[in-house]
Protein backbone atom coordinates (compact mmCIF):
# COMPACT_ATOMS: atom_id res chain seq x y z
CA UNK A 1 9.77 0.30 -15.62
CA UNK A 2 9.21 3.36 -13.51
CA UNK A 3 9.35 3.42 -9.77
CA UNK A 4 6.29 4.75 -8.01
CA UNK A 5 8.38 7.34 -6.19
CA UNK A 6 9.51 8.85 -9.53
CA UNK A 7 5.90 9.28 -10.66
CA UNK A 8 4.96 10.73 -7.27
CA UNK A 9 7.79 13.27 -7.57
CA UNK A 10 6.57 14.14 -11.04
CA UNK A 11 3.02 14.71 -9.81
CA UNK A 12 4.28 16.74 -6.84
CA UNK A 13 6.08 19.12 -9.21
CA UNK A 14 3.03 19.68 -11.41
CA UNK A 15 0.62 22.57 -10.90
CA UNK A 16 -2.46 22.06 -8.72
CA UNK A 17 -4.61 21.78 -11.83
CA UNK A 18 -3.48 19.77 -14.86
CA UNK A 19 -5.02 17.63 -17.55
CA UNK A 20 -4.63 13.88 -17.71
CA UNK A 21 -3.01 14.41 -21.12
CA UNK A 22 -0.30 16.55 -19.52
CA UNK A 23 0.33 13.88 -16.90
CA UNK A 24 0.47 11.04 -19.43
CA UNK A 25 2.83 13.07 -21.63
CA UNK A 26 5.19 13.70 -18.71
CA UNK A 27 5.06 10.08 -17.53
CA UNK A 28 5.93 8.88 -21.04
CA UNK A 29 8.82 11.34 -21.21
CA UNK A 30 10.05 10.24 -17.78
CA UNK A 31 9.87 6.59 -18.82
CA UNK A 32 11.83 7.29 -22.01
CA UNK A 33 14.51 9.13 -20.02
CA UNK A 34 14.80 6.27 -17.53
CA UNK A 35 15.01 3.77 -20.40
CA UNK A 36 17.75 5.82 -22.06
CA UNK A 37 19.72 5.96 -18.81
CA UNK A 38 19.50 2.18 -18.56
CA UNK A 39 20.66 1.80 -22.16
CA UNK A 40 23.66 4.05 -21.49
CA UNK A 41 24.45 2.06 -18.34
CA UNK A 42 24.38 -1.17 -20.39
CA UNK A 43 26.50 0.28 -23.19
CA UNK A 44 23.62 0.11 -25.66
CA UNK A 45 24.51 3.39 -27.36
CA UNK A 46 26.19 4.55 -30.55
CA UNK A 47 29.30 6.69 -30.48
CA UNK A 48 29.28 9.93 -32.43
CA UNK A 49 31.57 8.32 -35.00
CA UNK A 50 29.20 5.35 -35.42
CA UNK A 51 26.27 7.73 -35.90
CA UNK A 52 28.21 9.75 -38.49
CA UNK A 53 28.88 6.54 -40.43
CA UNK A 54 25.22 5.50 -40.16
CA UNK A 55 23.96 8.88 -41.36
CA UNK A 56 26.44 8.89 -44.24
CA UNK A 57 25.21 5.46 -45.32
CA UNK A 58 21.62 6.77 -45.30
CA UNK A 59 22.58 9.76 -47.42
CA UNK A 60 24.39 7.59 -49.96
CA UNK A 61 21.36 5.36 -50.49
């Protein structure tokens, strides 16, 4: 979940005129970044070695 203050900061850094599509796009990106930070904090990430193994298994299939 996003905090209101993060969205307010986002809006404050946007130009005076913007489309709702631009705003929604940026809010979605912000939410994905915040979610990724939380996943990193919780150790819910793959190491580079694990990703190499995963990619190699895809290529062998």
